[in-house]
Amino acid sequence: MSILTFRNFLTGSPAWRPDGVWHPVTASAMTLAILAAGQFVSIAAVLLMAPDLASQPTIPGPEGTRWSLDSTNVSLLLLGQSVLAGLTLLAVRAGTPRVAEGLGLVAPAGGARAFIFAILLMIPLMAITNAIAYGLSPSGFIADFEQFTTLARTADPVAGFLSIAVGAPLWEELLFRGFLLPPLVAGLGFWPAATLVSGIWAILHLGYSLAGLIEVFLIGLYLSWLYRRTGSLWVPIACHAGYNAALFLTMRLWA
C-alpha cells in the first residue's frame, strides 16, 4: 500500500462508498425524530431535576440553548448530547448489526496521516471561514464567540469541556454525517446531499448570527468532504473535536 501524501489527500479518489442503512425519506424522518426526542429529554430533565432554571436569566447558546450556563445547565446539556448519540446508535442498529461500519467508524484510508492532513488543512480553512464571518458581520462574529466564552467560564469547566469538545462533535457527526448523509448521497449525489445536511446542521445553530450560520455551513461541507475522502467518520469527529477544544481552551484561558 502506498503512503498517503498531502497531494493525494487533496486530489485522490474518495475512499468512502456510501451505503445508507435507510431510505433517504426514512432517514430524514428518523433524524427529525431523534432531534425531537433529544429536546424532549432535555426539557423533561430540566423540569424534574432543575425547575428553577426557568426563572434564571437566559442567553443564546450552542445548539439553541437558552438557559443560563451554570454547572447544572452544562450537566443537562451533556445528558441531552448522550441521549442524541445513543438514539443515533440505536437507529443504525435497527437497520444493520454492523453499527460501526454503518456509521463509518472505521480506520481511515491513509491511516494516521489522514488525521494529520485533515487537521493541517482545517487550520487555514477555519481562518478563512472566520475571516468571512467577521467581514460579513463584526458584531455578530463577536457575539457568537461570546457564547463560547460563557460556556468556557462555567463553574464546572470539566463538564463544559466535555460538552463542547466531546459531546457536541460526537453526536452531531454521528447523526448528520454518519447517519443522515449516506442515504441522501445515495439518492441525490454527494454535493447536493452534503449541502442539504450542512444546511440542516447550520439551522441547529440558530442562536448564531447570519455570518455565524454561514461559517457553520461551510465547516459542515468540509467535514462532509473529509468523510467522503477518508472513508472514516473518525476524521471529521477528530477535526470537529479539535476545533471546539481549541476554541474552548482559548476562551477559558484568555477571554
C-alpha atoms as a PDB file:
ATOM      1  CA  MET A   1       0.000   0.000   0.000  1.00  0.00           C
ATOM      2  CA  SER A   2       1.426   3.404  -0.983  1.00  0.00           C
ATOM      3  CA  ILE A   3       1.962   6.059   1.677  1.00  0.00           C
ATOM      4  CA  LEU A   4      -0.610   8.844   1.633  1.00  0.00           C
ATOM      5  CA  THR A   5       0.824  12.215   0.614  1.00  0.00           C
ATOM      6  CA  PHE A   6      -0.782  15.598   1.143  1.00  0.00           C
ATOM      7  CA  ARG A   7      -1.236  15.984  -2.598  1.00  0.00           C
ATOM      8  CA  ASN A   8      -3.010  12.635  -2.828  1.00  0.00           C
ATOM      9  CA  PHE A   9      -5.103  13.592   0.176  1.00  0.00           C
ATOM     10  CA  LEU A  10      -6.342  16.650  -1.693  1.00  0.00           C
ATOM     11  CA  THR A  11      -6.786  15.163  -5.143  1.00  0.00           C
ATOM     12  CA  GLY A  12      -7.102  11.413  -4.677  1.00  0.00           C
ATOM     13  CA  SER A  13     -10.246   9.384  -5.259  1.00  0.00           C
ATOM     14  CA  PRO A  14     -12.790   9.229  -2.431  1.00  0.00           C
ATOM     15  CA  ALA A  15     -12.305   6.275  -0.117  1.00  0.00           C
ATOM     16  CA  TRP A  16     -15.907   6.336   1.074  1.00  0.00           C
ATOM     17  CA  ARG A  17     -18.545   4.275  -0.666  1.00  0.00           C
ATOM     18  CA  PRO A  18     -21.921   5.369   0.765  1.00  0.00           C
ATOM     19  CA  ASP A  19     -24.144   2.527   1.837  1.00  0.00           C
ATOM     20  CA  GLY A  20     -27.009   4.127   3.700  1.00  0.00           C
ATOM     21  CA  VAL A  21     -28.882   1.899   6.103  1.00  0.00           C
ATOM     22  CA  TRP A  22     -32.220   3.589   5.447  1.00  0.00           C
ATOM     23  CA  HIS A  23     -34.168   5.106   2.558  1.00  0.00           C
ATOM     24  CA  PRO A  24     -33.491   8.887   2.288  1.00  0.00           C
ATOM     25  CA  VAL A  25     -37.025   9.828   3.354  1.00  0.00           C
ATOM     26  CA  THR A  26     -36.977   7.368   6.246  1.00  0.00           C
ATOM     27  CA  ALA A  27     -33.542   8.584   7.368  1.00  0.00           C
ATOM     28  CA  SER A  28     -34.710  12.203   7.260  1.00  0.00           C
ATOM     29  CA  ALA A  29     -37.805  11.400   9.316  1.00  0.00           C
ATOM     30  CA  MET A  30     -35.770   9.435  11.833  1.00  0.00           C
ATOM     31  CA  THR A  31     -33.279  12.302  12.138  1.00  0.00           C
ATOM     32  CA  LEU A  32     -36.098  14.706  12.986  1.00  0.00           C
ATOM     33  CA  ALA A  33     -37.484  12.179  15.474  1.00  0.00           C
ATOM     34  CA  ILE A  34     -34.085  11.821  17.148  1.00  0.00           C
ATOM     35  CA  LEU A  35     -33.696  15.597  17.436  1.00  0.00           C
ATOM     36  CA  ALA A  36     -37.204  15.916  18.868  1.00  0.00           C
ATOM     37  CA  ALA A  37     -36.556  13.123  21.364  1.00  0.00           C
ATOM     38  CA  GLY A  38     -33.329  14.782  22.469  1.00  0.00           C
ATOM     39  CA  GLN A  39     -35.151  18.048  23.059  1.00  0.00           C
ATOM     40  CA  PHE A  40     -37.915  16.265  24.960  1.00  0.00           C
ATOM     41  CA  VAL A  41     -35.437  14.529  27.254  1.00  0.00           C
ATOM     42  CA  SER A  42     -33.595  17.795  27.904  1.00  0.00           C
ATOM     43  CA  ILE A  43     -36.802  19.655  28.754  1.00  0.00           C
ATOM     44  CA  ALA A  44     -38.024  16.787  30.945  1.00  0.00           C
ATOM     45  CA  ALA A  45     -34.684  16.729  32.759  1.00  0.00           C
ATOM     46  CA  VAL A  46     -34.923  20.458  33.449  1.00  0.00           C
ATOM     47  CA  LEU A  47     -38.456  20.154  34.789  1.00  0.00           C
ATOM     48  CA  LEU A  48     -37.616  17.176  37.000  1.00  0.00           C
ATOM     49  CA  MET A  49     -34.075  17.956  38.110  1.00  0.00           C
ATOM     50  CA  ALA A  50     -33.697  21.729  37.946  1.00  0.00           C
ATOM     51  CA  PRO A  51     -37.059  23.506  37.615  1.00  0.00           C
ATOM     52  CA  ASP A  52     -35.530  26.741  38.937  1.00  0.00           C
ATOM     53  CA  LEU A  53     -33.563  27.124  35.683  1.00  0.00           C
ATOM     54  CA  ALA A  54     -36.694  28.506  34.041  1.00  0.00           C
ATOM     55  CA  SER A  55     -36.506  31.586  36.265  1.00  0.00           C
ATOM     56  CA  GLN A  56     -32.821  32.310  35.578  1.00  0.00           C
ATOM     57  CA  PRO A  57     -31.554  34.911  33.073  1.00  0.00           C
ATOM     58  CA  THR A  58     -31.327  33.493  29.587  1.00  0.00           C
ATOM     59  CA  ILE A  59     -28.790  33.900  26.805  1.00  0.00           C
ATOM     60  CA  PRO A  60     -28.474  32.400  23.335  1.00  0.00           C
ATOM     61  CA  GLY A  61     -26.156  29.401  23.318  1.00  0.00           C
ATOM     62  CA  PRO A  62     -24.862  26.449  21.312  1.00  0.00           C
ATOM     63  CA  GLU A  63     -27.461  24.131  19.836  1.00  0.00           C
ATOM     64  CA  GLY A  64     -30.264  26.569  20.599  1.00  0.00           C
ATOM     65  CA  THR A  65     -29.733  26.509  24.378  1.00  0.00           C
ATOM     66  CA  ARG A  66     -31.444  29.428  26.085  1.00  0.00           C
ATOM     67  CA  TRP A  67     -30.740  28.710  29.758  1.00  0.00           C
ATOM     68  CA  SER A  68     -28.062  30.432  31.789  1.00  0.00           C
ATOM     69  CA  LEU A  69     -24.938  28.319  31.501  1.00  0.00           C
ATOM     70  CA  ASP A  70     -24.212  27.330  35.101  1.00  0.00           C
ATOM     71  CA  SER A  71     -22.806  23.915  36.080  1.00  0.00           C
ATOM     72  CA  THR A  72     -26.282  22.363  36.332  1.00  0.00           C
ATOM     73  CA  ASN A  73     -27.152  23.538  32.853  1.00  0.00           C
ATOM     74  CA  VAL A  74     -23.930  22.142  31.389  1.00  0.00           C
ATOM     75  CA  SER A  75     -24.589  18.770  33.005  1.00  0.00           C
ATOM     76  CA  LEU A  76     -28.069  18.724  31.498  1.00  0.00           C
ATOM     77  CA  LEU A  77     -26.569  19.627  28.121  1.00  0.00           C
ATOM     78  CA  LEU A  78     -24.247  16.624  28.416  1.00  0.00           C
ATOM     79  CA  LEU A  79     -27.239  14.452  29.220  1.00  0.00           C
ATOM     80  CA  GLY A  80     -29.060  15.630  26.102  1.00  0.00           C
ATOM     81  CA  GLN A  81     -25.988  15.024  23.952  1.00  0.00           C
ATOM     82  CA  SER A  82     -25.636  11.496  25.332  1.00  0.00           C
ATOM     83  CA  VAL A  83     -29.269  10.772  24.528  1.00  0.00           C
ATOM     84  CA  LEU A  84     -28.873  12.037  20.960  1.00  0.00           C
ATOM     85  CA  ALA A  85     -25.759   9.922  20.389  1.00  0.00           C
ATOM     86  CA  GLY A  86     -27.432   6.868  21.911  1.00  0.00           C
ATOM     87  CA  LEU A  87     -30.577   7.234  19.814  1.00  0.00           C
ATOM     88  CA  THR A  88     -28.469   7.527  16.666  1.00  0.00           C
ATOM     89  CA  LEU A  89     -26.651   4.306  17.520  1.00  0.00           C
ATOM     90  CA  LEU A  90     -29.990   2.579  18.137  1.00  0.00           C
ATOM     91  CA  ALA A  91     -31.356   3.819  14.802  1.00  0.00           C
ATOM     92  CA  VAL A  92     -28.378   2.369  12.954  1.00  0.00           C
ATOM     93  CA  ARG A  93     -28.580  -0.840  14.968  1.00  0.00           C
ATOM     94  CA  ALA A  94     -32.213  -1.239  13.896  1.00  0.00           C
ATOM     95  CA  GLY A  95     -31.087  -1.352  10.267  1.00  0.00           C
ATOM     96  CA  THR A  96     -27.858  -3.317  10.489  1.00  0.00           C
ATOM     97  CA  PRO A  97     -25.978  -5.333  13.128  1.00  0.00           C
ATOM     98  CA  ARG A  98     -22.739  -3.738  11.912  1.00  0.00           C
ATOM     99  CA  VAL A  99     -23.159  -0.429  13.712  1.00  0.00           C
ATOM    100  CA  ALA A 100     -19.520   0.668  13.385  1.00  0.00           C
ATOM    101  CA  GLU A 101     -19.444   0.042   9.645  1.00  0.00           C
ATOM    102  CA  GLY A 102     -22.900   1.570   9.233  1.00  0.00           C
ATOM    103  CA  LEU A 103     -21.691   4.820  10.798  1.00  0.00           C
ATOM    104  CA  GLY A 104     -18.279   4.830   9.168  1.00  0.00           C
ATOM    105  CA  LEU A 105     -16.492   4.290  12.484  1.00  0.00           C
ATOM    106  CA  VAL A 106     -13.607   2.517  10.809  1.00  0.00           C
ATOM    107  CA  ALA A 107      -9.931   3.261  10.236  1.00  0.00           C
ATOM    108  CA  PRO A 108      -9.417   5.921   7.548  1.00  0.00           C
ATOM    109  CA  ALA A 109      -7.714   5.295   4.256  1.00  0.00           C
ATOM    110  CA  GLY A 110      -4.180   6.573   4.735  1.00  0.00           C
ATOM    111  CA  GLY A 111      -4.065   5.773   8.445  1.00  0.00           C
ATOM    112  CA  ALA A 112      -2.779   8.378  10.886  1.00  0.00           C
ATOM    113  CA  ARG A 113      -1.675  10.648   8.035  1.00  0.00           C
ATOM    114  CA  ALA A 114      -5.326  11.218   7.144  1.00  0.00           C
ATOM    115  CA  PHE A 115      -5.900  12.793  10.576  1.00  0.00           C
ATOM    116  CA  ILE A 116      -2.746  14.903  10.306  1.00  0.00           C
ATOM    117  CA  PHE A 117      -3.557  16.190   6.830  1.00  0.00           C
ATOM    118  CA  ALA A 118      -7.177  16.863   7.744  1.00  0.00           C
ATOM    119  CA  ILE A 119      -6.138  18.985  10.721  1.00  0.00           C
ATOM    120  CA  LEU A 120      -3.410  20.789   8.766  1.00  0.00           C
ATOM    121  CA  LEU A 121      -5.916  21.646   6.041  1.00  0.00           C
ATOM    122  CA  MET A 122      -8.513  22.667   8.598  1.00  0.00           C
ATOM    123  CA  ILE A 123      -6.314  25.412  10.080  1.00  0.00           C
ATOM    124  CA  PRO A 124      -6.258  27.722   7.016  1.00  0.00           C
ATOM    125  CA  LEU A 125      -9.851  26.821   6.140  1.00  0.00           C
ATOM    126  CA  MET A 126     -11.033  27.816   9.631  1.00  0.00           C
ATOM    127  CA  ALA A 127      -9.040  31.030   9.351  1.00  0.00           C
ATOM    128  CA  ILE A 128     -10.737  31.799   6.036  1.00  0.00           C
ATOM    129  CA  THR A 129     -14.255  30.985   7.269  1.00  0.00           C
ATOM    130  CA  ASN A 130     -13.707  33.055  10.418  1.00  0.00           C
ATOM    131  CA  ALA A 131     -12.451  35.937   8.294  1.00  0.00           C
ATOM    132  CA  ILE A 132     -15.546  35.658   6.079  1.00  0.00           C
ATOM    133  CA  ALA A 133     -17.828  35.640   9.126  1.00  0.00           C
ATOM    134  CA  TYR A 134     -16.069  38.655  10.628  1.00  0.00           C
ATOM    135  CA  GLY A 135     -16.133  40.501   7.321  1.00  0.00           C
ATOM    136  CA  LEU A 136     -19.868  39.932   6.935  1.00  0.00           C
ATOM    137  CA  SER A 137     -20.729  40.976  10.482  1.00  0.00           C
ATOM    138  CA  PRO A 138     -18.058  42.007  13.011  1.00  0.00           C
ATOM    139  CA  SER A 139     -20.627  42.455  15.797  1.00  0.00           C
ATOM    140  CA  GLY A 140     -22.286  39.126  15.013  1.00  0.00           C
ATOM    141  CA  PHE A 141     -18.909  37.385  14.934  1.00  0.00           C
ATOM    142  CA  ILE A 142     -18.037  38.740  18.384  1.00  0.00           C
ATOM    143  CA  ALA A 143     -21.480  37.826  19.761  1.00  0.00           C
ATOM    144  CA  ASP A 144     -21.108  34.256  18.503  1.00  0.00           C
ATOM    145  CA  PHE A 145     -17.780  33.855  20.288  1.00  0.00           C
ATOM    146  CA  GLU A 146     -19.212  35.337  23.480  1.00  0.00           C
ATOM    147  CA  GLN A 147     -21.477  32.293  23.658  1.00  0.00           C
ATOM    148  CA  PHE A 148     -18.401  30.060  23.894  1.00  0.00           C
ATOM    149  CA  THR A 149     -16.891  32.425  26.455  1.00  0.00           C
ATOM    150  CA  THR A 150     -19.944  32.000  28.662  1.00  0.00           C
ATOM    151  CA  LEU A 151     -19.745  28.220  28.470  1.00  0.00           C
ATOM    152  CA  ALA A 152     -15.972  28.245  28.968  1.00  0.00           C
ATOM    153  CA  ARG A 153     -16.409  30.311  32.124  1.00  0.00           C
ATOM    154  CA  THR A 154     -18.865  27.871  33.705  1.00  0.00           C
ATOM    155  CA  ALA A 155     -18.243  26.846  37.313  1.00  0.00           C
ATOM    156  CA  ASP A 156     -17.694  23.278  36.086  1.00  0.00           C
ATOM    157  CA  PRO A 157     -15.030  23.584  33.369  1.00  0.00           C
ATOM    158  CA  VAL A 158     -14.614  19.814  33.043  1.00  0.00           C
ATOM    159  CA  ALA A 159     -18.272  19.337  32.161  1.00  0.00           C
ATOM    160  CA  GLY A 160     -18.109  22.377  29.899  1.00  0.00           C
ATOM    161  CA  PHE A 161     -15.088  20.997  28.062  1.00  0.00           C
ATOM    162  CA  LEU A 162     -16.676  17.556  27.692  1.00  0.00           C
ATOM    163  CA  SER A 163     -19.841  19.127  26.310  1.00  0.00           C
ATOM    164  CA  ILE A 164     -18.084  21.297  23.738  1.00  0.00           C
ATOM    165  CA  ALA A 165     -15.085  19.138  22.788  1.00  0.00           C
ATOM    166  CA  VAL A 166     -16.597  15.644  23.101  1.00  0.00           C
ATOM    167  CA  GLY A 167     -20.377  15.624  23.360  1.00  0.00           C
ATOM    168  CA  ALA A 168     -21.220  18.083  20.595  1.00  0.00           C
ATOM    169  CA  PRO A 169     -18.762  16.746  17.973  1.00  0.00           C
ATOM    170  CA  LEU A 170     -19.673  13.139  18.706  1.00  0.00           C
ATOM    171  CA  TRP A 171     -23.450  13.315  18.490  1.00  0.00           C
ATOM    172  CA  GLU A 172     -23.524  15.849  15.654  1.00  0.00           C
ATOM    173  CA  GLU A 173     -21.142  13.835  13.465  1.00  0.00           C
ATOM    174  CA  LEU A 174     -22.860  10.542  14.283  1.00  0.00           C
ATOM    175  CA  LEU A 175     -26.297  11.883  13.394  1.00  0.00           C
ATOM    176  CA  PHE A 176     -25.644  14.241  10.495  1.00  0.00           C
ATOM    177  CA  ARG A 177     -22.563  12.905   8.733  1.00  0.00           C
ATOM    178  CA  GLY A 178     -22.716   9.276   9.897  1.00  0.00           C
ATOM    179  CA  PHE A 179     -26.440   8.500   9.809  1.00  0.00           C
ATOM    180  CA  LEU A 180     -28.167  11.043   7.551  1.00  0.00           C
ATOM    181  CA  LEU A 181     -25.574  11.804   4.873  1.00  0.00           C
ATOM    182  CA  PRO A 182     -25.086   8.301   3.321  1.00  0.00           C
ATOM    183  CA  PRO A 183     -28.737   7.663   2.345  1.00  0.00           C
ATOM    184  CA  LEU A 184     -29.064  11.208   0.996  1.00  0.00           C
ATOM    185  CA  VAL A 185     -25.919  10.724  -1.081  1.00  0.00           C
ATOM    186  CA  ALA A 186     -27.399   7.518  -2.486  1.00  0.00           C
ATOM    187  CA  GLY A 187     -30.490   9.455  -3.552  1.00  0.00           C
ATOM    188  CA  LEU A 188     -29.105  12.872  -4.514  1.00  0.00           C
ATOM    189  CA  GLY A 189     -25.368  12.562  -5.140  1.00  0.00           C
ATOM    190  CA  PHE A 190     -22.632  13.732  -2.815  1.00  0.00           C
ATOM    191  CA  TRP A 191     -22.544  17.525  -3.102  1.00  0.00           C
ATOM    192  CA  PRO A 192     -26.318  18.081  -3.123  1.00  0.00           C
ATOM    193  CA  ALA A 193     -26.595  15.777  -0.104  1.00  0.00           C
ATOM    194  CA  ALA A 194     -23.666  17.449   1.672  1.00  0.00           C
ATOM    195  CA  THR A 195     -25.216  20.859   1.008  1.00  0.00           C
ATOM    196  CA  LEU A 196     -28.554  19.740   2.416  1.00  0.00           C
ATOM    197  CA  VAL A 197     -27.056  18.121   5.506  1.00  0.00           C
ATOM    198  CA  SER A 198     -24.802  21.123   6.164  1.00  0.00           C
ATOM    199  CA  GLY A 199     -27.815  23.413   5.841  1.00  0.00           C
ATOM    200  CA  ILE A 200     -29.791  21.365   8.359  1.00  0.00           C
ATOM    201  CA  TRP A 201     -26.770  21.320  10.673  1.00  0.00           C
ATOM    202  CA  ALA A 202     -26.499  25.103  10.392  1.00  0.00           C
ATOM    203  CA  ILE A 203     -30.176  25.506  11.304  1.00  0.00           C
ATOM    204  CA  LEU A 204     -29.390  23.663  14.529  1.00  0.00           C
ATOM    205  CA  HIS A 205     -27.232  26.676  15.468  1.00  0.00           C
ATOM    206  CA  LEU A 206     -29.956  29.301  15.076  1.00  0.00           C
ATOM    207  CA  GLY A 207     -28.655  31.142  18.138  1.00  0.00           C
ATOM    208  CA  TYR A 208     -25.773  32.331  15.938  1.00  0.00           C
ATOM    209  CA  SER A 209     -25.661  35.406  13.725  1.00  0.00           C
ATOM    210  CA  LEU A 210     -26.235  35.073   9.985  1.00  0.00           C
ATOM    211  CA  ALA A 211     -22.482  35.248   9.435  1.00  0.00           C
ATOM    212  CA  GLY A 212     -22.005  32.540  12.035  1.00  0.00           C
ATOM    213  CA  LEU A 213     -24.561  30.316  10.321  1.00  0.00           C
ATOM    214  CA  ILE A 214     -22.729  30.717   7.015  1.00  0.00           C
ATOM    215  CA  GLU A 215     -19.489  29.741   8.756  1.00  0.00           C
ATOM    216  CA  VAL A 216     -21.114  26.649  10.283  1.00  0.00           C
ATOM    217  CA  PHE A 217     -22.480  25.701   6.860  1.00  0.00           C
ATOM    218  CA  LEU A 218     -19.048  25.950   5.227  1.00  0.00           C
ATOM    219  CA  ILE A 219     -17.466  23.918   8.017  1.00  0.00           C
ATOM    220  CA  GLY A 220     -20.177  21.303   7.506  1.00  0.00           C
ATOM    221  CA  LEU A 221     -19.227  20.991   3.844  1.00  0.00           C
ATOM    222  CA  TYR A 222     -15.593  20.466   4.800  1.00  0.00           C
ATOM    223  CA  LEU A 223     -16.448  17.801   7.388  1.00  0.00           C
ATOM    224  CA  SER A 224     -18.635  16.030   4.835  1.00  0.00           C
ATOM    225  CA  TRP A 225     -15.797  16.106   2.315  1.00  0.00           C
ATOM    226  CA  LEU A 226     -13.423  14.661   4.903  1.00  0.00           C
ATOM    227  CA  TYR A 227     -15.782  11.746   5.460  1.00  0.00           C
ATOM    228  CA  ARG A 228     -16.016  11.141   1.733  1.00  0.00           C
ATOM    229  CA  ARG A 229     -12.278  11.477   1.168  1.00  0.00           C
ATOM    230  CA  THR A 230     -11.065   9.255   4.030  1.00  0.00           C
ATOM    231  CA  GLY A 231     -13.959   6.793   4.338  1.00  0.00           C
ATOM    232  CA  SER A 232     -13.920   7.236   8.109  1.00  0.00           C
ATOM    233  CA  LEU A 233     -16.220   9.276  10.322  1.00  0.00           C
ATOM    234  CA  TRP A 234     -13.435   9.403  12.914  1.00  0.00           C
ATOM    235  CA  VAL A 235     -11.634  12.034  10.825  1.00  0.00           C
ATOM    236  CA  PRO A 236     -14.427  14.666  10.856  1.00  0.00           C
ATOM    237  CA  ILE A 237     -15.100  13.803  14.507  1.00  0.00           C
ATOM    238  CA  ALA A 238     -11.441  14.464  15.346  1.00  0.00           C
ATOM    239  CA  CYS A 239     -11.368  17.753  13.410  1.00  0.00           C
ATOM    240  CA  HIS A 240     -14.667  18.912  14.910  1.00  0.00           C
ATOM    241  CA  ALA A 241     -13.490  17.993  18.411  1.00  0.00           C
ATOM    242  CA  GLY A 242     -10.079  19.598  17.912  1.00  0.00           C
ATOM    243  CA  TYR A 243     -11.572  22.871  16.713  1.00  0.00           C
ATOM    244  CA  ASN A 244     -14.073  23.007  19.575  1.00  0.00           C
ATOM    245  CA  ALA A 245     -11.411  22.077  22.149  1.00  0.00           C
ATOM    246  CA  ALA A 246      -9.041  24.776  20.912  1.00  0.00           C
ATOM    247  CA  LEU A 247     -11.857  27.322  20.981  1.00  0.00           C
ATOM    248  CA  PHE A 248     -12.923  26.303  24.486  1.00  0.00           C
ATOM    249  CA  LEU A 249      -9.396  26.475  25.882  1.00  0.00           C
ATOM    250  CA  THR A 250      -8.773  29.844  24.219  1.00  0.00           C
ATOM    251  CA  MET A 251     -11.947  31.285  25.696  1.00  0.00           C
ATOM    252  CA  ARG A 252     -11.218  29.725  29.086  1.00  0.00           C
ATOM    253  CA  LEU A 253      -7.633  30.948  29.384  1.00  0.00           C
ATOM    254  CA  TRP A 254      -7.601  34.287  27.620  1.00  0.00           C
ATOM    255  CA  ALA A 255     -11.115  35.636  27.039  1.00  0.00           C
END
